[in-house]
C-alpha atoms as a PDB file:
ATOM      1  CA  MET A   1      -9.263   6.354   5.950  1.00  0.00           C
ATOM      2  CA  THR A   2      -8.151   3.336   4.400  1.00  0.00           C
ATOM      3  CA  LEU A   3      -8.294   4.726   0.943  1.00  0.00           C
ATOM      4  CA  LEU A   4      -6.364   7.744   2.192  1.00  0.00           C
ATOM      5  CA  ILE A   5      -3.660   5.839   3.885  1.00  0.00           C
ATOM      6  CA  THR A   6      -2.937   3.481   0.944  1.00  0.00           C
ATOM      7  CA  ILE A   7      -2.895   6.475  -1.487  1.00  0.00           C
ATOM      8  CA  ILE A   8      -0.431   8.232   0.689  1.00  0.00           C
ATOM      9  CA  ALA A   9       1.532   5.102   0.870  1.00  0.00           C
ATOM     10  CA  ALA A  10       1.373   4.540  -2.962  1.00  0.00           C
ATOM     11  CA  ILE A  11       2.411   8.190  -3.547  1.00  0.00           C
ATOM     12  CA  ILE A  12       5.491   7.912  -1.269  1.00  0.00           C
ATOM     13  CA  CYS A  13       6.577   4.712  -2.949  1.00  0.00           C
ATOM     14  CA  THR A  14       5.996   6.178  -6.425  1.00  0.00           C
ATOM     15  CA  LEU A  15       8.205   9.053  -5.661  1.00  0.00           C
ATOM     16  CA  ILE A  16      11.030   6.780  -4.194  1.00  0.00           C
ATOM     17  CA  TRP A  17      10.761   4.519  -7.166  1.00  0.00           C
ATOM     18  CA  TYR A  18      10.802   7.530  -9.615  1.00  0.00           C
ATOM     19  CA  LYS A  19      13.938   8.905  -7.873  1.00  0.00           C
ATOM     20  CA  ASN A  20      15.589   5.583  -8.322  1.00  0.00           C
ATOM     21  CA  ALA A  21      13.847   4.333 -11.568  1.00  0.00           C
ATOM     22  CA  PRO A  22      16.752   3.344 -13.909  1.00  0.00           C
ATOM     23  CA  LYS A  23      18.140   1.152 -11.210  1.00  0.00           C
ATOM     24  CA  ASP A  24      15.266  -0.484  -9.463  1.00  0.00           C
ATOM     25  CA  LYS A  25      17.305  -3.213  -7.682  1.00  0.00           C
ATOM     26  CA  MET A  26      15.139  -3.338  -4.414  1.00  0.00           C
ATOM     27  CA  ASN A  27      11.938  -3.973  -6.488  1.00  0.00           C
ATOM     28  CA  ILE A  28      10.254  -0.883  -5.170  1.00  0.00           C
ATOM     29  CA  SER A  29       8.011  -0.932  -8.294  1.00  0.00           C
ATOM     30  CA  MET A  30       6.562  -4.087  -6.960  1.00  0.00           C
ATOM     31  CA  LEU A  31       5.652  -2.314  -3.564  1.00  0.00           C
ATOM     32  CA  CYS A  32       4.094   0.425  -5.787  1.00  0.00           C
ATOM     33  CA  PHE A  33       1.871  -1.903  -7.677  1.00  0.00           C
ATOM     34  CA  MET A  34       0.631  -3.333  -4.453  1.00  0.00           C
ATOM     35  CA  TYR A  35      -0.281  -0.007  -3.035  1.00  0.00           C
ATOM     36  CA  TRP A  36      -1.705   1.286  -6.155  1.00  0.00           C
ATOM     37  CA  GLY A  37      -3.837  -1.984  -6.441  1.00  0.00           C
ATOM     38  CA  ALA A  38      -4.945  -1.643  -2.827  1.00  0.00           C
ATOM     39  CA  SER A  39      -5.901   1.999  -3.444  1.00  0.00           C
ATOM     40  CA  LEU A  40      -8.042   0.919  -6.440  1.00  0.00           C
ATOM     41  CA  MET A  41      -9.548  -1.682  -4.466  1.00  0.00           C
ATOM     42  CA  TRP A  42     -10.511   0.864  -1.560  1.00  0.00           C
ATOM     43  CA  PHE A  43     -11.614   3.381  -4.292  1.00  0.00           C
ATOM     44  CA  ALA A  44     -14.122   0.843  -5.653  1.00  0.00           C
ATOM     45  CA  ASP A  45     -15.064   0.116  -2.147  1.00  0.00           C
ATOM     46  CA  ALA A  46     -15.780   3.755  -1.346  1.00  0.00           C
ATOM     47  CA  VAL A  47     -17.934   4.088  -4.562  1.00  0.00           C
ATOM     48  CA  PHE A  48     -20.230   1.317  -3.721  1.00  0.00           C
ATOM     49  CA  GLU A  49     -20.359   2.524  -0.130  1.00  0.00           C
ATOM     50  CA  TYR A  50     -21.273   5.950  -1.155  1.00  0.00           C
ATOM     51  CA  SER A  51     -24.019   4.418  -3.545  1.00  0.00           C
ATOM     52  CA  GLU A  52     -25.615   2.876  -0.447  1.00  0.00           C
ATOM     53  CA  LEU A  53     -25.239   5.677   2.197  1.00  0.00           C
ATOM     54  CA  ARG A  54     -25.199   8.792   0.143  1.00  0.00           C
ATOM     55  CA  THR A  55     -24.664  11.954   2.316  1.00  0.00           C
ATOM     56  CA  GLU A  56     -24.001   9.690   5.472  1.00  0.00           C
ATOM     57  CA  PHE A  57     -20.785   8.643   3.729  1.00  0.00           C
ATOM     58  CA  PHE A  58     -19.202  11.916   4.630  1.00  0.00           C
ATOM     59  CA  THR A  59     -20.126  11.835   8.306  1.00  0.00           C
ATOM     60  CA  PRO A  60     -18.643   8.475   9.779  1.00  0.00           C
ATOM     61  CA  SER A  61     -18.439   7.892  13.406  1.00  0.00           C
ATOM     62  CA  LEU A  62     -15.172   8.017  15.319  1.00  0.00           C
ATOM     63  CA  TYR A  63     -15.299   4.477  15.784  1.00  0.00           C
ATOM     64  CA  ASP A  64     -15.600   3.764  12.109  1.00  0.00           C
ATOM     65  CA  MET A  65     -12.683   6.302  11.313  1.00  0.00           C
ATOM     66  CA  VAL A  66     -10.472   4.506  13.811  1.00  0.00           C
ATOM     67  CA  ASN A  67     -11.317   1.009  12.548  1.00  0.00           C
ATOM     68  CA  ASP A  68     -10.704   2.078   9.070  1.00  0.00           C
ATOM     69  CA  ALA A  69      -7.447   3.764   9.967  1.00  0.00           C
ATOM     70  CA  PHE A  70      -6.245   0.475  11.723  1.00  0.00           C
ATOM     71  CA  LEU A  71      -7.334  -1.462   8.591  1.00  0.00           C
ATOM     72  CA  GLY A  72      -5.397   0.991   6.256  1.00  0.00           C
ATOM     73  CA  ILE A  73      -2.154   0.654   8.473  1.00  0.00           C
ATOM     74  CA  SER A  74      -2.481  -3.026   8.535  1.00  0.00           C
ATOM     75  CA  ALA A  75      -2.768  -3.079   4.717  1.00  0.00           C
ATOM     76  CA  VAL A  76       0.362  -0.935   4.348  1.00  0.00           C
ATOM     77  CA  ALA A  77       2.126  -3.154   6.918  1.00  0.00           C
ATOM     78  CA  LEU A  78       1.220  -6.405   5.036  1.00  0.00           C
ATOM     79  CA  GLY A  79       2.342  -4.768   1.773  1.00  0.00           C
ATOM     80  CA  LEU A  80       5.763  -4.134   3.331  1.00  0.00           C
ATOM     81  CA  VAL A  81       5.872  -7.576   4.885  1.00  0.00           C
ATOM     82  CA  VAL A  82       5.132  -9.118   1.349  1.00  0.00           C
ATOM     83  CA  TRP A  83       7.691  -6.830  -0.223  1.00  0.00           C
ATOM     84  CA  ILE A  84      10.314  -7.808   2.347  1.00  0.00           C
ATOM     85  CA  VAL A  85       9.748 -11.512   1.860  1.00  0.00           C
ATOM     86  CA  ILE A  86      10.039 -11.142  -2.024  1.00  0.00           C
ATOM     87  CA  LEU A  87      13.441  -9.274  -1.399  1.00  0.00           C
ATOM     88  CA  LEU A  88      14.533 -12.095   0.790  1.00  0.00           C
ATOM     89  CA  ILE A  89      13.733 -14.731  -1.764  1.00  0.00           C
ATOM     90  CA  THR A  90      15.213 -12.843  -4.874  1.00  0.00           C
ATOM     91  CA  ASP A  91      18.203 -11.506  -2.838  1.00  0.00           C
ATOM     92  CA  PRO A  92      18.986  -8.639  -5.375  1.00  0.00           C
ATOM     93  CA  LYS A  93      22.125  -7.413  -3.665  1.00  0.00           C
ATOM     94  CA  ARG A  94      23.343 -11.181  -3.428  1.00  0.00           C
ATOM     95  CA  ILE A  95      24.070 -10.970   0.297  1.00  0.00           C
ATOM     96  CA  PHE A  96      22.936 -14.461   1.220  1.00  0.00           C
ATOM     97  CA  LYS A  97      24.966 -15.963  -1.693  1.00  0.00           C
ATOM     98  CA  LYS A  98      28.081 -14.369  -0.259  1.00  0.00           C
ATOM     99  CA  GLU A  99      27.556 -16.041   3.102  1.00  0.00           C
ATOM    100  CA  ILE A 100      27.187 -19.484   1.696  1.00  0.00           C
END
């Protein structure tokens, strides 16, 4: 579930970035890199977990699926928080400089 959730977030971010690619003022590319990096990390985790469990890998318990879903949602939320902090620090639209 973590891999699936982060890949969906990465694809959505990539589509948004690609639509606005020439003028990436909001640093959506940074968010894309974070989500694609998380997806690669979860993919490596899935490969190693499959090497241990073999066929049991494809029949997880409901508890494991819910736990992985919460972990995936938390990873996506943490990526959004980091991206927002980066936006507040860089202030691409110069909103805070107008206030001062």
